[in-house]
């Protein structure tokens, strides 16, 4: 009952406000919806700034190489933020938080953990496609919610997660480090084989 009331109130607010209200109360308070639903709604609402724009803002604040970016909907205080990991030239890691609405830097911190630094540098040594470019290449598949470097073994590439507009299914993609080619991730359960597999041109 409470859920129906909340949805009715949100719908009315959307009509009165010219359709600008965002329906974040899908789960309600009656136990019919869990925190996962609320997190998904926050993620959908906080998509004004793209992954590529968040990476650009992070690199303007902290110089280096962006290795990953993720729209974190479990930030302190429940506020969503882009979390961008940057590897600086001196080998230090930095985590930069970017406002997903305005694109401003909310804060940054240095990470002491240097595990994987050598692998990351080796993977990116001959790469010509940046994290921001990989996110831009995959944007045609849906709204990019994360981009991360896969530096494991010889099958290296950018792993990008997208969500269909309107909160549809998540899909995983791989973007070649040198070609920029977008293919369906072979580990994605939704892969039907029509999008291709792997990044053999980047091996």
Protein backbone atom coordinates (compact mmCIF):
# COMPACT_ATOMS: atom_id res chain seq x y z
CA UNK A 1 0.00 0.00 0.00
CA UNK A 2 2.76 2.42 0.93
CA UNK A 3 4.51 1.56 -2.32
CA UNK A 4 1.43 2.52 -4.34
CA UNK A 5 1.08 5.78 -2.45
CA UNK A 6 4.74 6.68 -3.05
CA UNK A 7 4.49 5.94 -6.76
CA UNK A 8 1.30 7.97 -7.02
CA UNK A 9 2.95 10.93 -5.27
CA UNK A 10 6.01 10.72 -7.53
CA UNK A 11 3.83 10.51 -10.63
CA UNK A 12 1.84 13.54 -9.51
CA UNK A 13 5.05 15.45 -8.82
CA UNK A 14 6.28 14.64 -12.30
CA UNK A 15 3.10 16.04 -13.85
CA UNK A 16 3.15 19.20 -11.75
CA UNK A 17 6.86 19.77 -12.30
CA UNK A 18 6.73 19.28 -16.04
CA UNK A 19 8.06 15.73 -15.94
CA UNK A 20 11.30 16.59 -14.17
CA UNK A 21 10.80 14.39 -11.13
CA UNK A 22 12.85 11.19 -11.05
CA UNK A 23 11.10 8.09 -9.75
CA UNK A 24 13.56 6.78 -7.20
CA UNK A 25 11.05 5.06 -4.93
CA UNK A 26 10.49 1.82 -6.79
CA UNK A 27 11.29 -0.37 -3.81
CA UNK A 28 9.05 1.37 -1.29
CA UNK A 29 9.01 0.77 2.45
CA UNK A 30 6.83 -2.29 2.59
CA UNK A 31 9.65 -4.77 2.07
CA UNK A 32 8.76 -5.52 -1.54
CA UNK A 33 11.93 -3.94 -2.89
CA UNK A 34 15.49 -4.33 -1.64
CA UNK A 35 18.48 -2.02 -1.44
CA UNK A 36 19.64 -3.34 -4.81
CA UNK A 37 16.65 -1.73 -6.52
CA UNK A 38 17.37 1.58 -4.84
CA UNK A 39 21.02 1.46 -5.85
CA UNK A 40 20.05 0.81 -9.46
CA UNK A 41 17.71 3.81 -9.39
CA UNK A 42 20.44 6.02 -7.94
CA UNK A 43 22.79 4.84 -10.68
CA UNK A 44 20.27 5.64 -13.37
CA UNK A 45 19.55 9.08 -11.92
CA UNK A 46 23.23 9.98 -11.56
CA UNK A 47 24.22 9.64 -15.21
CA UNK A 48 24.47 13.31 -16.23
CA UNK A 49 28.27 13.11 -16.48
CA UNK A 50 29.61 10.40 -18.76
CA UNK A 51 32.48 8.09 -17.91
CA UNK A 52 34.73 9.89 -20.39
CA UNK A 53 33.88 13.26 -18.84
CA UNK A 54 34.50 11.93 -15.33
CA UNK A 55 37.91 10.60 -16.40
CA UNK A 56 38.80 13.95 -17.97
CA UNK A 57 37.87 15.76 -14.76
CA UNK A 58 39.91 13.33 -12.66
CA UNK A 59 43.00 13.70 -14.85
CA UNK A 60 42.70 17.47 -14.71
CA UNK A 61 42.85 17.20 -10.94
CA UNK A 62 45.48 14.44 -10.77
CA UNK A 63 47.88 13.94 -13.65
CA UNK A 64 48.65 10.41 -14.72
CA UNK A 65 46.92 7.54 -16.52
CA UNK A 66 43.33 6.60 -15.79
CA UNK A 67 43.14 2.84 -15.26
CA UNK A 68 39.49 2.50 -14.24
CA UNK A 69 36.31 4.48 -13.66
CA UNK A 70 33.15 3.27 -11.98
CA UNK A 71 29.88 4.92 -11.09
CA UNK A 72 29.83 4.12 -7.38
CA UNK A 73 26.32 4.27 -5.93
CA UNK A 74 27.37 3.24 -2.44
CA UNK A 75 29.44 6.30 -1.57
CA UNK A 76 29.46 7.88 1.86
CA UNK A 77 26.12 9.36 2.78
CA UNK A 78 24.42 7.47 -0.03
CA UNK A 79 25.58 9.98 -2.66
CA UNK A 80 26.63 8.48 -5.96
CA UNK A 81 30.01 9.42 -7.46
CA UNK A 82 32.36 8.41 -10.22
CA UNK A 83 35.41 6.70 -8.72
CA UNK A 84 38.42 7.06 -11.04
CA UNK A 85 41.70 5.26 -10.34
CA UNK A 86 44.74 7.12 -11.65
CA UNK A 87 48.30 5.81 -11.87
CA UNK A 88 50.70 8.75 -11.58
CA UNK A 89 54.04 8.96 -13.33
CA UNK A 90 55.91 8.28 -10.08
CA UNK A 91 54.06 5.01 -9.59
CA UNK A 92 51.62 6.19 -6.93
CA UNK A 93 47.93 5.38 -7.18
CA UNK A 94 45.21 7.95 -6.65
CA UNK A 95 41.47 7.55 -6.29
CA UNK A 96 39.52 10.57 -7.51
CA UNK A 97 35.81 11.05 -6.84
CA UNK A 98 33.82 13.03 -9.42
CA UNK A 99 30.30 14.41 -9.05
CA UNK A 100 28.09 12.55 -11.56
CA UNK A 101 25.78 15.55 -11.90
CA UNK A 102 28.09 18.55 -12.28
CA UNK A 103 31.42 16.92 -13.09
CA UNK A 104 33.33 18.61 -10.27
CA UNK A 105 35.97 16.76 -8.26
CA UNK A 106 34.57 15.82 -4.86
CA UNK A 107 37.88 14.66 -3.44
CA UNK A 108 40.93 12.53 -4.03
CA UNK A 109 43.24 10.35 -2.00
CA UNK A 110 46.53 8.54 -2.54
CA UNK A 111 46.48 4.75 -2.26
CA UNK A 112 49.43 2.98 -0.69
CA UNK A 113 48.72 -0.32 -2.41
CA UNK A 114 51.09 -0.69 -5.37
CA UNK A 115 50.16 -4.26 -6.27
CA UNK A 116 49.70 -4.69 -9.99
CA UNK A 117 51.55 -1.52 -11.00
CA UNK A 118 54.05 -3.40 -13.14
CA UNK A 119 51.28 -5.37 -14.87
CA UNK A 120 49.30 -2.22 -15.61
CA UNK A 121 52.30 -0.45 -17.11
CA UNK A 122 53.17 -3.48 -19.20
CA UNK A 123 49.61 -3.71 -20.53
CA UNK A 124 49.51 -0.02 -21.43
CA UNK A 125 53.04 0.20 -22.83
CA UNK A 126 51.95 -0.14 -26.45
CA UNK A 127 48.32 0.87 -25.99
CA UNK A 128 46.94 3.68 -28.11
CA UNK A 129 43.39 3.65 -26.69
CA UNK A 130 42.84 5.36 -23.34
CA UNK A 131 40.19 4.56 -20.76
CA UNK A 132 38.20 7.63 -21.82
CA UNK A 133 38.40 6.61 -25.47
CA UNK A 134 37.30 3.08 -24.60
CA UNK A 135 34.31 4.46 -22.73
CA UNK A 136 33.46 6.66 -25.69
CA UNK A 137 33.74 3.74 -28.10
CA UNK A 138 31.34 1.62 -26.02
CA UNK A 139 28.88 4.45 -25.45
CA UNK A 140 27.03 3.45 -28.58
CA UNK A 141 26.05 0.21 -26.80
CA UNK A 142 24.36 2.00 -23.89
CA UNK A 143 25.14 4.17 -20.89
CA UNK A 144 28.65 3.35 -19.66
CA UNK A 145 28.72 2.66 -15.92
CA UNK A 146 32.29 1.38 -15.62
CA UNK A 147 35.51 0.93 -17.55
CA UNK A 148 38.45 -1.07 -16.25
CA UNK A 149 41.77 -2.31 -17.59
CA UNK A 150 42.10 -6.08 -17.90
CA UNK A 151 45.85 -6.65 -17.68
CA UNK A 152 45.67 -10.40 -17.17
CA UNK A 153 47.79 -12.58 -19.46
CA UNK A 154 47.96 -11.88 -23.16
CA UNK A 155 44.26 -11.20 -23.71
CA UNK A 156 44.45 -7.62 -22.50
CA UNK A 157 41.92 -4.92 -23.14
CA UNK A 158 39.47 -2.47 -21.62
CA UNK A 159 36.43 -4.02 -19.94
CA UNK A 160 33.39 -1.76 -20.22
CA UNK A 161 29.98 -2.23 -18.64
CA UNK A 162 26.94 -0.55 -20.14
CA UNK A 163 23.29 -0.30 -19.23
CA UNK A 164 20.52 0.18 -21.78
CA UNK A 165 18.71 3.50 -21.63
CA UNK A 166 15.79 3.49 -19.24
CA UNK A 167 17.48 1.06 -16.86
CA UNK A 168 17.68 -1.99 -19.09
CA UNK A 169 20.00 -4.97 -18.82
CA UNK A 170 23.71 -4.63 -18.14
CA UNK A 171 26.12 -5.79 -20.83
CA UNK A 172 29.87 -6.32 -20.73
CA UNK A 173 32.14 -5.33 -23.60
CA UNK A 174 35.82 -5.44 -24.45
CA UNK A 175 37.58 -2.61 -26.23
CA UNK A 176 40.90 -3.29 -27.94
CA UNK A 177 43.92 -1.49 -26.51
CA UNK A 178 45.27 -0.64 -29.96
CA UNK A 179 42.32 -1.05 -32.32
CA UNK A 180 39.53 0.46 -30.22
CA UNK A 181 37.25 -2.27 -31.56
CA UNK A 182 34.24 -3.01 -29.35
CA UNK A 183 33.26 -6.67 -29.00
CA UNK A 184 30.95 -8.52 -26.64
CA UNK A 185 32.79 -9.88 -23.62
CA UNK A 186 33.09 -13.64 -23.98
CA UNK A 187 32.28 -14.03 -20.26
CA UNK A 188 29.07 -12.01 -20.55
CA UNK A 189 26.11 -14.36 -20.10
CA UNK A 190 24.11 -12.20 -22.48
CA UNK A 191 26.50 -12.75 -25.36
CA UNK A 192 24.78 -14.28 -28.36
CA UNK A 193 27.92 -14.53 -30.44
CA UNK A 194 26.77 -11.93 -32.96
CA UNK A 195 28.93 -9.16 -31.50
CA UNK A 196 32.19 -11.03 -31.87
CA UNK A 197 34.57 -12.31 -29.23
CA UNK A 198 37.95 -11.34 -27.82
CA UNK A 199 40.47 -8.78 -29.04
CA UNK A 200 42.85 -10.93 -31.02
CA UNK A 201 44.20 -7.89 -32.81
CA UNK A 202 45.54 -6.63 -29.47
CA UNK A 203 47.24 -9.81 -28.32
